[in-house]
């Protein structure tokens, strides 16, 4: 939701126009409210958000910021990640399916293979492990997490203990029977032994940044 001066077709200030262009470039569907049309809303929002200027961009009821923050998040890629994470959360909760169904969108059930392909590619470096990076549930997972952190590698993770379908499916999908499993750009790198060997050889970081 964008509180702006004017509307997307006719912004009434340069800052509002910049944010509108950013959202359009990110292919985000958004609602707007022209704060010039209601002074009570205009003044009330300043106190509500503790943000004195407009435009103001909200996501799921939370203030993201104004023009400068929207531009910075857009340039860093963070804005795209915020919207992507929201869609993923809606997808996990079933809310996305509900919203699309209400709009008459026909949804085909995602196959396990499609789901696994999406998961292994959900982050450039993706670790399927027992537990999470802050609380690994096995020694092998802990060793891989530590190796990645010590090499300064940014990575996503998935707790295979939380989803038996993914846990069993990945064994066949990757033809690799154990966990953790580390992927780079959707391709399997290997398990704990291979990761530690790459780190010992000084090739882990370069392997995950080619």
Protein backbone atom coordinates (compact mmCIF):
# COMPACT_ATOMS: atom_id res chain seq x y z
CA UNK A 1 0.00 0.00 0.00
CA UNK A 2 1.44 3.32 -1.08
CA UNK A 3 0.30 6.57 0.50
CA UNK A 4 1.30 9.17 -2.05
CA UNK A 5 0.54 12.55 -3.51
CA UNK A 6 -1.76 12.01 -6.47
CA UNK A 7 -2.23 8.59 -8.05
CA UNK A 8 -0.03 6.20 -10.07
CA UNK A 9 -1.26 7.64 -13.36
CA UNK A 10 -0.72 11.24 -12.23
CA UNK A 11 1.70 11.57 -9.30
CA UNK A 12 1.70 15.04 -7.75
CA UNK A 13 5.33 15.04 -6.60
CA UNK A 14 8.64 13.67 -7.84
CA UNK A 15 9.18 11.42 -4.82
CA UNK A 16 5.80 9.72 -5.26
CA UNK A 17 6.54 9.25 -8.96
CA UNK A 18 9.89 7.57 -8.20
CA UNK A 19 8.33 5.05 -5.82
CA UNK A 20 5.51 4.29 -8.28
CA UNK A 21 8.09 3.63 -11.01
CA UNK A 22 10.08 1.35 -8.70
CA UNK A 23 7.02 -0.72 -7.79
CA UNK A 24 6.04 -1.00 -11.44
CA UNK A 25 9.58 -2.06 -12.34
CA UNK A 26 9.42 -4.73 -9.61
CA UNK A 27 6.08 -5.90 -11.10
CA UNK A 28 4.36 -5.37 -7.75
CA UNK A 29 0.61 -4.96 -7.62
CA UNK A 30 -0.12 -2.25 -5.08
CA UNK A 31 -2.93 -0.12 -3.77
CA UNK A 32 -2.65 3.64 -3.32
CA UNK A 33 -4.25 6.45 -1.38
CA UNK A 34 -3.97 10.10 -2.37
CA UNK A 35 -3.09 11.89 0.88
CA UNK A 36 -3.87 15.23 -0.80
CA UNK A 37 -7.53 14.17 -0.85
CA UNK A 38 -7.85 13.79 2.93
CA UNK A 39 -5.94 16.03 5.31
CA UNK A 40 -7.07 14.01 8.34
CA UNK A 41 -5.46 10.86 6.94
CA UNK A 42 -2.41 12.85 5.85
CA UNK A 43 -1.75 14.30 9.31
CA UNK A 44 -2.83 11.13 11.12
CA UNK A 45 -0.40 8.94 9.20
CA UNK A 46 2.52 11.12 10.22
CA UNK A 47 1.82 10.27 13.87
CA UNK A 48 0.71 6.69 13.23
CA UNK A 49 3.92 5.83 11.40
CA UNK A 50 6.18 8.33 13.15
CA UNK A 51 7.26 9.30 9.63
CA UNK A 52 6.81 12.98 8.73
CA UNK A 53 6.94 12.88 4.93
CA UNK A 54 5.28 11.24 1.93
CA UNK A 55 5.18 8.94 0.10
CA UNK A 56 4.96 6.14 2.68
CA UNK A 57 5.19 2.52 1.54
CA UNK A 58 3.57 -0.21 3.64
CA UNK A 59 3.82 -3.96 3.30
CA UNK A 60 1.46 -6.24 5.24
CA UNK A 61 0.53 -3.30 7.46
CA UNK A 62 4.13 -2.45 8.35
CA UNK A 63 5.92 0.71 7.21
CA UNK A 64 8.87 0.02 4.91
CA UNK A 65 9.77 3.70 4.56
CA UNK A 66 9.70 6.61 2.18
CA UNK A 67 11.25 7.39 -1.18
CA UNK A 68 14.93 7.17 -0.16
CA UNK A 69 14.46 3.80 1.56
CA UNK A 70 12.44 2.40 -1.33
CA UNK A 71 15.18 3.46 -3.78
CA UNK A 72 17.95 1.98 -1.60
CA UNK A 73 16.09 -1.32 -1.16
CA UNK A 74 15.36 -1.47 -4.88
CA UNK A 75 18.99 -0.87 -5.86
CA UNK A 76 20.30 -3.45 -3.36
CA UNK A 77 17.73 -6.06 -4.41
CA UNK A 78 16.29 -6.13 -0.90
CA UNK A 79 12.88 -4.91 -2.04
CA UNK A 80 12.49 -7.85 -4.41
CA UNK A 81 13.44 -10.21 -1.55
CA UNK A 82 10.85 -8.64 0.76
CA UNK A 83 8.05 -9.21 -1.74
CA UNK A 84 9.33 -12.69 -2.59
CA UNK A 85 9.40 -13.67 1.10
CA UNK A 86 5.82 -12.47 1.53
CA UNK A 87 4.65 -14.64 -1.37
CA UNK A 88 6.54 -17.64 0.06
CA UNK A 89 4.97 -17.11 3.49
CA UNK A 90 1.52 -16.88 1.91
CA UNK A 91 2.28 -20.02 -0.04
CA UNK A 92 3.33 -21.92 3.10
CA UNK A 93 0.23 -20.85 5.01
CA UNK A 94 -2.11 -21.59 2.13
CA UNK A 95 -3.15 -17.95 1.99
CA UNK A 96 -1.77 -17.49 -1.53
CA UNK A 97 -3.93 -20.31 -2.88
CA UNK A 98 -6.97 -18.80 -1.12
CA UNK A 99 -6.33 -15.33 -2.55
CA UNK A 100 -5.79 -16.62 -6.07
CA UNK A 101 -8.84 -18.87 -5.86
CA UNK A 102 -10.98 -15.92 -4.79
CA UNK A 103 -9.77 -14.09 -7.89
CA UNK A 104 -10.75 -17.03 -10.10
CA UNK A 105 -7.18 -18.12 -10.87
CA UNK A 106 -6.95 -21.85 -11.60
CA UNK A 107 -4.05 -23.38 -9.70
CA UNK A 108 -2.46 -26.65 -10.70
CA UNK A 109 -1.13 -28.75 -7.84
CA UNK A 110 2.65 -28.49 -7.64
CA UNK A 111 4.40 -31.82 -8.11
CA UNK A 112 7.06 -32.93 -5.63
CA UNK A 113 9.74 -32.65 -8.33
CA UNK A 114 8.67 -29.09 -9.15
CA UNK A 115 8.69 -28.23 -5.47
CA UNK A 116 12.19 -29.67 -5.00
CA UNK A 117 13.48 -27.80 -8.05
CA UNK A 118 12.05 -24.58 -6.61
CA UNK A 119 13.52 -25.23 -3.16
CA UNK A 120 17.06 -26.07 -4.31
CA UNK A 121 17.06 -22.88 -6.40
CA UNK A 122 15.45 -20.63 -3.78
CA UNK A 123 18.87 -19.23 -2.84
CA UNK A 124 22.15 -19.27 -4.84
CA UNK A 125 23.72 -21.32 -2.04
CA UNK A 126 21.15 -23.60 -0.39
CA UNK A 127 21.76 -26.00 2.50
CA UNK A 128 19.35 -28.79 3.33
CA UNK A 129 20.17 -29.69 6.90
CA UNK A 130 18.82 -31.03 10.17
CA UNK A 131 17.71 -28.03 12.20
CA UNK A 132 18.66 -24.50 11.24
CA UNK A 133 21.94 -22.52 11.13
CA UNK A 134 21.37 -21.16 14.65
CA UNK A 135 20.47 -24.57 16.07
CA UNK A 136 21.75 -27.50 14.00
CA UNK A 137 20.28 -30.87 14.99
CA UNK A 138 23.26 -33.02 14.00
CA UNK A 139 27.04 -32.74 14.05
CA UNK A 140 27.43 -32.98 10.27
CA UNK A 141 24.99 -30.13 9.70
CA UNK A 142 26.81 -28.08 12.33
CA UNK A 143 30.16 -28.65 10.61
CA UNK A 144 28.85 -27.49 7.23
CA UNK A 145 27.17 -24.42 8.74
CA UNK A 146 30.41 -23.48 10.49
CA UNK A 147 32.44 -23.98 7.31
CA UNK A 148 30.13 -21.73 5.31
CA UNK A 149 30.08 -19.05 8.01
CA UNK A 150 33.86 -19.09 8.41
CA UNK A 151 34.23 -18.66 4.64
CA UNK A 152 31.79 -15.72 4.73
CA UNK A 153 29.32 -17.47 2.42
CA UNK A 154 25.72 -16.25 2.50
CA UNK A 155 23.31 -19.18 2.24
CA UNK A 156 19.70 -20.20 2.60
CA UNK A 157 18.66 -23.28 4.52
CA UNK A 158 15.82 -25.77 4.85
CA UNK A 159 15.18 -28.00 7.87
CA UNK A 160 14.55 -31.44 6.38
CA UNK A 161 13.23 -32.61 9.79
CA UNK A 162 10.26 -30.30 9.28
CA UNK A 163 9.05 -31.95 6.08
CA UNK A 164 9.30 -35.70 5.54
CA UNK A 165 8.16 -35.40 1.91
CA UNK A 166 11.07 -33.10 1.09
CA UNK A 167 13.48 -35.22 3.14
CA UNK A 168 12.70 -38.43 1.27
CA UNK A 169 12.18 -36.72 -2.08
CA UNK A 170 15.60 -35.08 -2.05
CA UNK A 171 17.35 -38.42 -1.59
CA UNK A 172 16.00 -39.59 -4.96
CA UNK A 173 16.13 -36.15 -6.58
CA UNK A 174 19.84 -35.73 -5.84
CA UNK A 175 20.76 -39.43 -5.78
CA UNK A 176 22.40 -38.63 -2.44
CA UNK A 177 21.11 -40.65 0.55
CA UNK A 178 22.29 -38.54 3.49
CA UNK A 179 22.09 -35.03 4.91
CA UNK A 180 23.20 -32.28 4.93
CA UNK A 181 23.12 -31.57 1.19
CA UNK A 182 24.61 -28.36 -0.20
CA UNK A 183 23.43 -26.90 -3.51
CA UNK A 184 24.82 -24.09 -5.63
CA UNK A 185 22.60 -22.55 -8.31
CA UNK A 186 20.30 -25.56 -8.15
CA UNK A 187 23.10 -28.13 -8.56
CA UNK A 188 24.25 -30.50 -5.80
CA UNK A 189 27.73 -29.78 -4.47
CA UNK A 190 27.73 -32.62 -1.96
CA UNK A 191 27.48 -33.51 1.70
CA UNK A 192 29.57 -32.83 4.77
CA UNK A 193 32.73 -34.66 3.66
CA UNK A 194 32.87 -32.91 0.27
CA UNK A 195 32.22 -29.48 1.80
CA UNK A 196 34.97 -29.96 4.38
CA UNK A 197 37.35 -31.27 1.71
CA UNK A 198 36.69 -28.22 -0.48
CA UNK A 199 37.33 -25.96 2.51
CA UNK A 200 40.59 -27.74 3.37
CA UNK A 201 41.71 -27.31 -0.26
CA UNK A 202 40.80 -23.61 -0.15
CA UNK A 203 38.24 -24.11 -2.92
CA UNK A 204 34.93 -23.83 -1.06
CA UNK A 205 34.33 -20.11 -1.50
CA UNK A 206 35.40 -20.11 -5.14
CA UNK A 207 33.20 -23.13 -5.87
CA UNK A 208 30.20 -21.26 -4.46
CA UNK A 209 30.85 -18.05 -6.38
CA UNK A 210 31.66 -19.20 -9.90
